[in-house]
Amino acid sequence: MSKNQDKAERPITLLQSLIPVTILVALLAINVYVFRDDALSGTNQFILLIGGSIAAMVGLYNRVSYDKVLTQIINNVRDTSGAIFILLLVGALSGTWLLSGIIPSMIYYGLQILHPAIYLPACLIITSIISIATGSSWTTSATVGIALVGIGHALGMPIGMIGGAVISGAYFGDKLSPLSDTTNLAPVMAGTDLFTHIRYMLYTTVPTYVVTLILFIILGLVYGTGGNVDTSATLNAISDTFNVTPVLFIVPVFVVFLIVKKVQPIAALLIGTLLGAVFALIFQQDIVVQVSGGETFDFYNAYKGVMLALTTDIRILSPLESLNGLFEAGGMASMLNTVWLILCAMFFGGAMEAIGALQKISTALLNIANNMFGLFASTVASCLAINIMTSDQYLSIVVPGKMFSDAYKAKGLAPENLSRTLEDSGTVTSVLIPWNTCGAYHSGVLGIPTMTYLPYAFFNYLSPFVTLLYAAFDIKIRRILKKE
């Protein structure tokens, strides 16, 4: 039955493949314009469902069976289940880390060390180091990223710049760390080895990072030297509200240690969440009672306070009213909008893949690569297109890697050219797309809309331009050495 159905399918045309994408991008643009930062609260999700439905209708017109489309959507959703559990655990972790005083302590000590003028470049460097150590931009945002956003908020820095600095540093480390899954995936798809890939990426990554650092230094001097920021009231309010102690840093340090030791992220985040709850019961008993709405610290109120921090919104009141908005956490509930966005994005991506639109668009991009620069440009465009259409960072590496591998060899180009281009355009741009899993994740975790931090995520959107610049001027383009 299925074989007969497959034979009856009509091949999809390029125009048909572009119909769902064009409608999706147009509707999302209208949606973001109308709803601004609230577009993530449910409207973008519905637009993705509309886009997926249009893709399914195109497939039905070409005699693609409904079961085939549904099966691909289910497979895509299944593949993101790990990311969804990580998101829920990050929400729980942020709640217990606030309740235990870990995040307030990071902000307290960070305010004493980081002057506004050096905050942005310091933020970039700190997240770069953590991301290289852990190999994960997601872990970086969920730990030091949250604290750095709080510090920047207290210093009065523009929220978009804070997000841009965190994202740029997190993806610099994610791109170069041998512990990163994308850093391991790209050379496998291109046909080279890990450390050749990393060494070859340095040619484009280091200059891009230096430019990014210079830009943040300039922004720091412009926005951070307008006058001395008196943080004494903020510091006193934090210390009056929480029991601030360096001992609390044991928890985030231990979580980073677990990630470096290649403990599965879900396990590491669960351990960090539970440790946060234990430290809250030890160091912040008054806060636990406040959150629970009780009057005394007993088993009932302790259990209630911790469970509220894990699952739902909590707000901790401080003597300084401006800190009330900073000392809020949503638990797992705060991540539900992001979870819905990922599920709806997988609906659209699965439908596009099932009807053959994804492969058709990639093939069209490959056909225009009639010279070396065209080949690099087609790879970059393909990575960007797949990030937009499938909302999945890994597919933006896997699909172009498969599609362009033979083309690079045919033009006498070493496979590390392809692996570098995949990372320069696939890995780092995923976080710039609001409905991509990476964009949705970092926006949800940091509490900064994607379109707000996008203009300042210099490292992420400069990387594709730098790799194209190298291709245009034939800089560090390695050829295959053919033996007679």
Protein backbone atom coordinates (compact mmCIF):
# COMPACT_ATOMS: atom_id res chain seq x y z
CA MET A 1 0.00 0.00 0.00
CA SER A 2 2.69 2.48 1.03
CA LYS A 3 4.80 1.61 -2.02
CA ASN A 4 1.88 2.33 -4.32
CA GLN A 5 1.30 5.61 -2.53
CA ASP A 6 4.98 6.55 -2.87
CA LYS A 7 4.85 5.83 -6.62
CA ALA A 8 1.73 7.95 -6.93
CA GLU A 9 3.42 10.96 -5.35
CA ARG A 10 4.14 13.83 -7.69
CA PRO A 11 7.52 15.54 -7.31
CA ILE A 12 7.24 18.90 -5.59
CA THR A 13 8.31 22.00 -7.51
CA LEU A 14 10.52 24.77 -6.14
CA LEU A 15 7.62 27.23 -6.27
CA GLN A 16 5.44 24.87 -4.26
CA SER A 17 8.25 24.39 -1.73
CA LEU A 18 8.54 28.13 -1.21
CA ILE A 19 4.81 28.73 -0.67
CA PRO A 20 4.71 27.61 3.03
CA VAL A 21 8.00 29.41 3.79
CA THR A 22 6.89 32.68 2.20
CA ILE A 23 3.54 32.66 3.99
CA LEU A 24 5.17 31.72 7.30
CA VAL A 25 7.80 34.48 7.17
CA ALA A 26 5.19 37.08 6.12
CA LEU A 27 2.78 36.12 8.92
CA LEU A 28 5.55 35.98 11.53
CA ALA A 29 6.76 39.43 10.47
CA ILE A 30 3.24 40.82 10.87
CA ASN A 31 2.87 39.01 14.18
CA VAL A 32 6.10 40.38 15.63
CA TYR A 33 5.21 43.90 14.42
CA VAL A 34 1.77 43.77 16.05
CA PHE A 35 2.54 41.91 19.27
CA ARG A 36 6.21 42.91 19.75
CA ASP A 37 7.68 41.08 22.75
CA ASP A 38 4.39 39.25 23.43
CA ALA A 39 4.60 37.29 20.17
CA LEU A 40 6.19 34.37 22.05
CA SER A 41 3.17 34.09 24.35
CA GLY A 42 1.19 32.08 21.84
CA THR A 43 0.72 33.99 18.61
CA ASN A 44 3.95 32.80 16.93
CA GLN A 45 3.04 29.25 17.86
CA PHE A 46 -0.27 29.48 16.02
CA ILE A 47 1.43 30.98 12.94
CA LEU A 48 3.78 27.97 12.85
CA LEU A 49 0.77 25.65 12.93
CA ILE A 50 -0.72 27.56 9.99
CA GLY A 51 2.56 27.26 8.08
CA GLY A 52 2.72 23.53 8.76
CA SER A 53 -0.89 23.09 7.67
CA ILE A 54 -0.19 24.88 4.38
CA ALA A 55 2.85 22.63 3.83
CA ALA A 56 0.66 19.58 4.49
CA MET A 57 -1.92 20.82 1.98
CA VAL A 58 0.81 21.27 -0.64
CA GLY A 59 1.83 17.69 0.11
CA LEU A 60 -1.72 16.39 -0.22
CA TYR A 61 -2.01 18.18 -3.56
CA ASN A 62 1.08 16.21 -4.65
CA ARG A 63 -0.48 12.97 -3.31
CA VAL A 64 1.76 12.73 -0.25
CA SER A 65 -0.17 10.68 2.28
CA TYR A 66 -1.42 12.26 5.48
CA ASP A 67 0.15 9.40 7.46
CA LYS A 68 3.59 10.18 6.02
CA VAL A 69 3.34 13.83 7.04
CA LEU A 70 2.07 12.94 10.51
CA THR A 71 4.80 10.32 11.02
CA GLN A 72 7.54 12.82 10.18
CA ILE A 73 6.04 15.40 12.55
CA ILE A 74 5.91 12.82 15.34
CA ASN A 75 9.54 11.86 14.69
CA ASN A 76 10.60 15.50 14.84
CA VAL A 77 8.75 16.06 18.11
CA ARG A 78 10.32 12.91 19.54
CA ASP A 79 13.79 14.17 18.63
CA THR A 80 13.21 17.36 20.65
CA SER A 81 12.00 15.59 23.79
CA GLY A 82 15.44 15.90 25.38
CA ALA A 83 15.47 19.66 24.77
CA ILE A 84 12.00 19.99 26.28
CA PHE A 85 13.01 18.19 29.47
CA ILE A 86 16.12 20.38 29.68
CA LEU A 87 13.93 23.48 29.35
CA LEU A 88 11.64 22.34 32.16
CA LEU A 89 14.61 21.57 34.39
CA VAL A 90 16.17 24.97 33.65
CA GLY A 91 12.92 26.59 34.79
CA ALA A 92 13.00 24.54 37.99
CA LEU A 93 16.70 25.29 38.47
CA SER A 94 16.23 29.05 38.14
CA GLY A 95 13.48 28.87 40.77
CA THR A 96 15.53 26.99 43.36
CA TRP A 97 18.67 29.00 42.62
CA LEU A 98 16.72 32.19 43.32
CA LEU A 99 15.13 30.72 46.45
CA SER A 100 18.50 29.49 47.76
CA GLY A 101 20.20 32.85 47.15
CA ILE A 102 22.62 31.52 44.53
CA ILE A 103 21.59 34.01 41.83
CA PRO A 104 21.32 36.96 44.28
CA SER A 105 24.80 36.09 45.61
CA MET A 106 26.20 36.05 42.07
CA ILE A 107 24.64 39.47 41.50
CA TYR A 108 25.91 40.75 44.86
CA TYR A 109 29.54 39.84 44.24
CA GLY A 110 29.34 40.65 40.55
CA LEU A 111 28.22 44.21 41.27
CA GLN A 112 31.30 44.72 43.41
CA ILE A 113 33.65 43.42 40.71
CA LEU A 114 32.07 44.57 37.43
CA HIS A 115 32.06 48.31 36.75
CA PRO A 116 29.50 49.40 34.10
CA ALA A 117 32.31 50.44 31.73
CA ILE A 118 33.80 46.93 31.65
CA TYR A 119 30.61 44.97 32.16
CA LEU A 120 29.82 44.15 28.52
CA PRO A 121 33.32 42.91 27.49
CA ALA A 122 33.63 41.09 30.83
CA CYS A 123 30.25 39.45 30.20
CA LEU A 124 31.47 38.28 26.77
CA ILE A 125 34.70 36.84 28.18
CA ILE A 126 33.08 35.13 31.18
CA THR A 127 30.45 33.36 29.07
CA SER A 128 33.12 32.38 26.53
CA ILE A 129 35.21 30.68 29.20
CA ILE A 130 32.24 28.85 30.75
CA SER A 131 30.97 27.74 27.34
CA ILE A 132 34.38 26.39 26.28
CA ALA A 133 34.61 24.51 29.59
CA THR A 134 31.12 23.00 29.33
CA GLY A 135 30.75 22.79 25.55
CA SER A 136 27.19 24.04 25.89
CA SER A 137 25.70 27.45 25.17
CA TRP A 138 22.48 26.22 26.81
CA THR A 139 24.20 25.45 30.12
CA THR A 140 26.06 28.76 29.98
CA SER A 141 22.84 30.75 29.64
CA ALA A 142 21.10 28.71 32.33
CA THR A 143 23.87 29.31 34.91
CA VAL A 144 26.12 32.38 34.63
CA GLY A 145 23.93 33.88 31.90
CA ILE A 146 20.99 34.38 34.26
CA ALA A 147 23.26 35.95 36.88
CA LEU A 148 24.94 38.27 34.36
CA VAL A 149 21.53 39.49 33.16
CA GLY A 150 20.68 40.33 36.76
CA ILE A 151 23.97 42.18 37.25
CA GLY A 152 23.51 44.14 34.02
CA HIS A 153 19.95 45.00 34.98
CA ALA A 154 21.14 46.35 38.35
CA LEU A 155 23.87 48.37 36.61
CA GLY A 156 21.31 49.93 34.30
CA MET A 157 22.74 48.49 31.08
CA PRO A 158 20.41 48.13 28.04
CA ILE A 159 18.84 44.69 28.15
CA GLY A 160 19.47 43.96 24.46
CA MET A 161 23.21 44.56 24.84
CA ILE A 162 23.32 42.27 27.87
CA GLY A 163 21.65 39.49 25.90
CA GLY A 164 23.91 40.06 22.91
CA ALA A 165 27.05 39.78 25.05
CA VAL A 166 25.82 36.58 26.76
CA ILE A 167 24.77 34.97 23.46
CA SER A 168 27.98 35.95 21.65
CA GLY A 169 30.20 34.50 24.37
CA ALA A 170 28.08 31.38 24.81
CA TYR A 171 28.23 30.54 21.09
CA PHE A 172 31.93 31.30 20.78
CA GLY A 173 32.62 28.56 23.31
CA ASP A 174 29.94 26.25 21.95
CA LYS A 175 31.49 26.56 18.50
CA LEU A 176 35.09 25.83 19.53
CA SER A 177 34.80 23.48 22.49
CA PRO A 178 35.68 19.82 21.76
CA LEU A 179 32.91 18.96 24.25
CA SER A 180 30.23 20.59 22.09
CA ASP A 181 27.87 18.31 20.18
CA THR A 182 27.74 20.62 17.15
CA THR A 183 31.54 20.87 17.09
CA ASN A 184 31.67 17.09 16.88
CA LEU A 185 28.78 16.78 14.43
CA ALA A 186 30.09 19.19 11.76
CA PRO A 187 33.38 17.37 10.98
CA VAL A 188 31.57 14.02 10.88
CA MET A 189 29.14 15.33 8.26
CA ALA A 190 31.93 16.96 6.24
CA GLY A 191 34.38 14.06 6.45
CA THR A 192 37.23 15.49 8.53
CA ASP A 193 38.44 14.98 12.11
CA LEU A 194 37.54 17.01 15.19
CA PHE A 195 40.80 18.80 15.92
CA THR A 196 41.52 19.63 12.28
CA HIS A 197 38.05 21.16 12.23
CA ILE A 198 38.68 23.21 15.40
CA ARG A 199 42.09 24.46 14.21
CA TYR A 200 40.62 25.46 10.85
CA MET A 201 37.72 27.29 12.52
CA LEU A 202 40.17 29.50 14.40
CA TYR A 203 40.98 31.35 11.16
CA THR A 204 37.48 32.81 10.94
CA THR A 205 36.37 32.59 14.58
CA VAL A 206 39.21 34.52 16.24
CA PRO A 207 38.94 37.63 14.00
CA THR A 208 35.15 37.62 14.44
CA TYR A 209 35.54 37.35 18.21
CA VAL A 210 38.09 40.18 18.31
CA VAL A 211 35.72 42.46 16.36
CA THR A 212 32.89 41.47 18.71
CA LEU A 213 35.04 42.24 21.78
CA ILE A 214 36.02 45.65 20.37
CA LEU A 215 32.37 46.50 19.68
CA PHE A 216 31.37 45.61 23.24
CA ILE A 217 34.29 47.61 24.64
CA ILE A 218 33.06 50.63 22.67
CA LEU A 219 29.46 50.10 23.81
CA GLY A 220 30.66 49.71 27.40
CA LEU A 221 32.53 53.01 27.23
CA VAL A 222 29.51 54.74 25.70
CA TYR A 223 26.84 53.35 28.05
CA GLY A 224 28.90 52.62 31.16
CA THR A 225 30.74 55.89 31.78
CA GLY A 226 27.84 58.30 31.87
CA GLY A 227 28.40 58.68 35.59
CA ASN A 228 29.25 56.64 38.65
CA VAL A 229 26.58 54.10 39.45
CA ASP A 230 25.89 53.92 43.16
CA THR A 231 25.21 50.26 43.88
CA SER A 232 25.34 50.54 47.67
CA ALA A 233 21.54 50.59 48.01
CA THR A 234 21.24 47.52 45.78
CA LEU A 235 23.97 45.66 47.68
CA ASN A 236 22.36 46.48 51.04
CA ALA A 237 18.94 45.39 49.80
CA ILE A 238 20.30 42.06 48.58
CA SER A 239 22.18 41.37 51.83
CA ASP A 240 19.13 42.39 53.90
CA THR A 241 16.89 40.01 51.93
CA PHE A 242 19.16 36.99 51.45
CA ASN A 243 21.86 35.27 53.44
CA VAL A 244 24.69 36.06 50.99
CA THR A 245 27.69 33.76 51.22
CA PRO A 246 30.33 32.39 48.81
CA VAL A 247 29.44 28.89 50.05
CA LEU A 248 26.40 29.03 47.76
CA PHE A 249 28.73 28.97 44.74
CA ILE A 250 29.41 25.31 45.46
CA VAL A 251 26.22 24.45 43.55
CA PRO A 252 26.93 26.20 40.19
CA VAL A 253 30.59 25.17 40.29
CA PHE A 254 29.56 21.56 40.84
CA VAL A 255 27.05 21.70 37.96
CA VAL A 256 29.72 23.07 35.61
CA PHE A 257 32.07 20.32 36.82
CA LEU A 258 29.44 17.67 35.99
CA ILE A 259 28.97 19.06 32.47
CA VAL A 260 32.74 19.15 31.88
CA LYS A 261 32.90 15.52 32.99
CA LYS A 262 30.32 14.76 30.27
CA VAL A 263 27.49 13.96 32.65
CA GLN A 264 24.24 14.13 30.68
CA PRO A 265 22.76 17.67 30.83
CA ILE A 266 19.41 16.43 32.16
CA ALA A 267 21.13 14.65 35.05
CA ALA A 268 23.44 17.61 35.76
CA LEU A 269 20.57 20.11 35.79
CA LEU A 270 18.43 17.82 37.99
CA ILE A 271 21.28 17.52 40.50
CA GLY A 272 21.79 21.32 40.40
CA THR A 273 18.07 21.86 40.98
CA LEU A 274 17.95 19.49 43.96
CA LEU A 275 21.10 20.99 45.48
CA GLY A 276 19.55 24.43 45.09
CA ALA A 277 16.51 23.24 47.02
CA VAL A 278 18.68 21.77 49.80
CA PHE A 279 20.76 24.97 50.08
CA ALA A 280 17.54 27.01 50.23
CA LEU A 281 16.38 25.00 53.25
CA ILE A 282 19.77 25.48 54.93
CA PHE A 283 20.63 29.12 54.14
CA GLN A 284 17.34 30.89 53.31
CA GLN A 285 14.75 29.61 55.75
CA ASP A 286 13.05 33.03 56.09
CA ILE A 287 12.74 33.32 52.30
CA VAL A 288 11.25 29.82 52.05
CA VAL A 289 8.64 30.78 54.65
CA GLN A 290 7.88 34.03 52.78
CA VAL A 291 7.34 32.18 49.50
CA SER A 292 5.12 29.55 51.14
CA GLY A 293 2.95 32.24 52.71
CA GLY A 294 3.45 30.77 56.17
CA GLU A 295 4.72 32.21 59.43
CA THR A 296 7.13 29.59 60.78
CA PHE A 297 9.72 27.32 59.26
CA ASP A 298 8.35 23.80 59.50
CA PHE A 299 8.06 20.78 57.23
CA TYR A 300 4.80 21.97 55.66
CA ASN A 301 6.02 25.45 54.75
CA ALA A 302 9.45 24.22 53.69
CA TYR A 303 7.93 21.67 51.31
CA LYS A 304 5.41 24.16 49.96
CA GLY A 305 8.02 26.89 49.38
CA VAL A 306 10.40 24.59 47.52
CA MET A 307 7.68 23.06 45.35
CA LEU A 308 6.37 26.51 44.39
CA ALA A 309 9.88 27.54 43.35
CA LEU A 310 10.22 24.41 41.25
CA THR A 311 6.95 24.66 39.39
CA THR A 312 5.35 28.11 39.35
CA ASP A 313 5.88 31.86 39.72
CA ILE A 314 7.51 33.16 42.88
CA ARG A 315 8.36 36.72 43.83
CA ILE A 316 10.67 37.59 46.69
CA LEU A 317 10.09 41.04 48.16
CA SER A 318 13.12 43.16 49.05
CA PRO A 319 13.54 46.57 50.77
CA LEU A 320 14.42 48.07 47.36
CA GLU A 321 11.36 48.09 45.12
CA SER A 322 13.40 48.01 41.89
CA LEU A 323 14.74 44.58 42.86
CA ASN A 324 11.29 43.02 43.12
CA GLY A 325 11.17 42.52 39.36
CA LEU A 326 14.68 41.02 39.42
CA PHE A 327 13.89 38.54 42.19
CA GLU A 328 11.20 36.69 40.28
CA ALA A 329 11.27 33.16 38.90
CA GLY A 330 8.65 31.17 37.08
CA GLY A 331 9.75 27.61 37.73
CA MET A 332 8.84 25.07 35.09
CA ALA A 333 5.70 27.05 34.23
CA SER A 334 7.84 29.90 32.84
CA MET A 335 9.15 27.58 30.13
CA LEU A 336 5.78 26.43 28.80
CA ASN A 337 5.55 29.13 26.10
CA THR A 338 8.95 28.04 24.84
CA VAL A 339 7.93 24.36 24.91
CA TRP A 340 4.81 25.17 22.86
CA LEU A 341 6.93 27.11 20.40
CA ILE A 342 9.30 24.15 19.91
CA LEU A 343 6.42 21.71 19.41
CA CYS A 344 4.75 23.97 16.84
CA ALA A 345 8.08 24.56 15.08
CA MET A 346 8.54 20.79 14.81
CA PHE A 347 5.06 20.58 13.29
CA PHE A 348 6.11 23.00 10.53
CA GLY A 349 9.56 21.44 10.04
CA GLY A 350 8.19 17.90 9.94
CA ALA A 351 5.57 18.80 7.34
CA MET A 352 8.19 20.55 5.17
CA GLU A 353 10.49 17.54 5.36
CA ALA A 354 7.73 15.01 4.62
CA ILE A 355 6.53 16.74 1.44
CA GLY A 356 10.10 17.03 0.09
CA ALA A 357 10.21 20.84 0.23
CA LEU A 358 13.35 20.89 2.35
CA GLN A 359 15.37 18.79 -0.10
CA LYS A 360 14.02 20.72 -3.09
CA ILE A 361 15.13 24.08 -1.71
CA SER A 362 18.56 22.69 -0.76
CA THR A 363 19.01 21.21 -4.24
CA ALA A 364 18.08 24.54 -5.84
CA LEU A 365 20.70 26.30 -3.74
CA LEU A 366 23.30 23.71 -4.75
CA ASN A 367 22.54 24.18 -8.44
CA ILE A 368 23.50 27.87 -8.36
CA ALA A 369 26.98 27.08 -7.01
CA ASN A 370 28.86 27.40 -10.30
CA ASN A 371 32.12 28.65 -8.74
CA MET A 372 33.95 28.43 -5.42
CA PHE A 373 32.34 31.51 -3.86
CA GLY A 374 28.94 30.36 -5.11
CA LEU A 375 29.48 27.03 -3.36
CA PHE A 376 30.30 28.71 -0.03
CA ALA A 377 27.41 31.16 -0.44
CA SER A 378 25.00 28.30 -1.23
CA THR A 379 26.15 26.45 1.89
CA VAL A 380 25.57 29.51 4.07
CA ALA A 381 22.16 30.15 2.50
CA SER A 382 21.19 26.50 2.91
CA CYS A 383 22.13 26.50 6.61
CA LEU A 384 20.15 29.69 7.21
CA ALA A 385 17.15 28.39 5.26
CA ILE A 386 17.06 25.11 7.16
CA ASN A 387 17.42 26.92 10.50
CA ILE A 388 14.38 28.99 9.52
CA MET A 389 12.31 26.17 8.02
CA THR A 390 13.01 23.28 10.38
CA SER A 391 13.73 25.26 13.57
CA ASP A 392 16.47 22.76 14.37
CA GLN A 393 20.17 23.56 14.73
CA TYR A 394 21.30 20.02 14.07
CA LEU A 395 19.43 19.70 10.78
CA SER A 396 21.12 22.92 9.61
CA ILE A 397 24.41 21.02 9.91
CA VAL A 398 23.32 17.54 8.84
CA VAL A 399 21.32 18.36 5.69
CA PRO A 400 23.81 20.81 4.08
CA GLY A 401 26.67 18.55 5.19
CA LYS A 402 25.16 15.68 3.22
CA MET A 403 24.14 17.85 0.28
CA PHE A 404 27.42 19.70 -0.28
CA SER A 405 30.05 17.12 0.69
CA ASP A 406 30.59 15.78 -2.84
CA ALA A 407 30.45 19.27 -4.36
CA TYR A 408 33.37 20.45 -2.21
CA LYS A 409 35.38 17.40 -3.18
CA ALA A 410 34.57 17.93 -6.87
CA LYS A 411 36.02 21.44 -6.67
CA GLY A 412 39.17 20.16 -4.96
CA LEU A 413 38.32 21.69 -1.57
CA ALA A 414 39.34 19.98 1.67
CA PRO A 415 36.40 18.82 3.84
CA GLU A 416 37.36 21.20 6.67
CA ASN A 417 36.19 24.06 4.43
CA LEU A 418 32.70 22.60 4.57
CA SER A 419 32.78 21.77 8.29
CA ARG A 420 33.91 25.32 9.13
CA THR A 421 31.20 26.85 6.96
CA LEU A 422 28.55 24.65 8.58
CA GLU A 423 29.50 25.96 12.01
CA ASP A 424 29.95 29.58 10.86
CA SER A 425 26.47 29.66 9.38
CA GLY A 426 24.44 26.84 10.93
CA THR A 427 25.47 26.64 14.59
CA VAL A 428 25.71 30.33 15.41
CA THR A 429 22.65 31.66 13.54
CA SER A 430 20.12 29.27 15.08
CA VAL A 431 19.83 31.50 18.16
CA LEU A 432 18.86 34.50 16.00
CA ILE A 433 15.58 32.93 14.86
CA PRO A 434 12.75 33.35 17.42
CA TRP A 435 10.98 30.08 16.55
CA ASN A 436 14.16 27.99 16.31
CA THR A 437 14.70 25.74 19.33
CA CYS A 438 17.89 27.66 20.21
CA GLY A 439 16.32 31.10 19.81
CA ALA A 440 13.29 30.05 21.84
CA TYR A 441 15.45 28.49 24.55
CA HIS A 442 17.84 31.38 25.14
CA SER A 443 15.05 33.94 24.94
CA GLY A 444 13.05 32.02 27.52
CA VAL A 445 15.96 31.36 29.88
CA LEU A 446 17.41 34.88 29.81
CA GLY A 447 14.04 36.60 29.73
CA ILE A 448 15.11 38.69 26.73
CA PRO A 449 13.13 38.51 23.45
CA THR A 450 15.15 37.26 20.49
CA MET A 451 14.53 40.40 18.45
CA THR A 452 15.78 42.51 21.37
CA TYR A 453 19.21 40.85 21.67
CA LEU A 454 19.59 40.10 17.93
CA PRO A 455 21.13 43.49 16.94
CA TYR A 456 23.84 43.03 19.58
CA ALA A 457 24.64 39.34 19.01
CA PHE A 458 27.58 40.51 16.90
CA PHE A 459 29.52 37.25 16.94
CA ASN A 460 26.55 35.28 15.67
CA TYR A 461 25.62 37.31 12.62
CA LEU A 462 29.16 38.41 11.72
CA SER A 463 30.38 34.80 11.48
CA PRO A 464 28.63 33.98 8.15
CA PHE A 465 29.90 37.23 6.60
CA VAL A 466 33.47 36.50 7.67
CA THR A 467 33.41 33.01 6.18
CA LEU A 468 32.05 34.45 2.90
CA LEU A 469 34.74 37.15 2.98
CA TYR A 470 37.42 34.47 3.26
CA ALA A 471 35.86 32.61 0.33
CA ALA A 472 35.60 35.74 -1.82
CA PHE A 473 39.29 36.58 -1.38
CA ASP A 474 40.49 32.95 -1.24
CA ILE A 475 41.88 33.34 2.29
CA LYS A 476 42.75 30.13 4.14
CA ILE A 477 40.82 27.94 1.68
CA ARG A 478 42.51 24.57 1.90
CA ARG A 479 42.73 22.40 -1.21
CA ILE A 480 42.91 18.64 -1.46
CA LEU A 481 46.44 17.48 -2.24
CA LYS A 482 46.12 14.98 -5.08
CA LYS A 483 48.80 12.36 -5.44
CA GLU A 484 49.84 11.19 -8.89
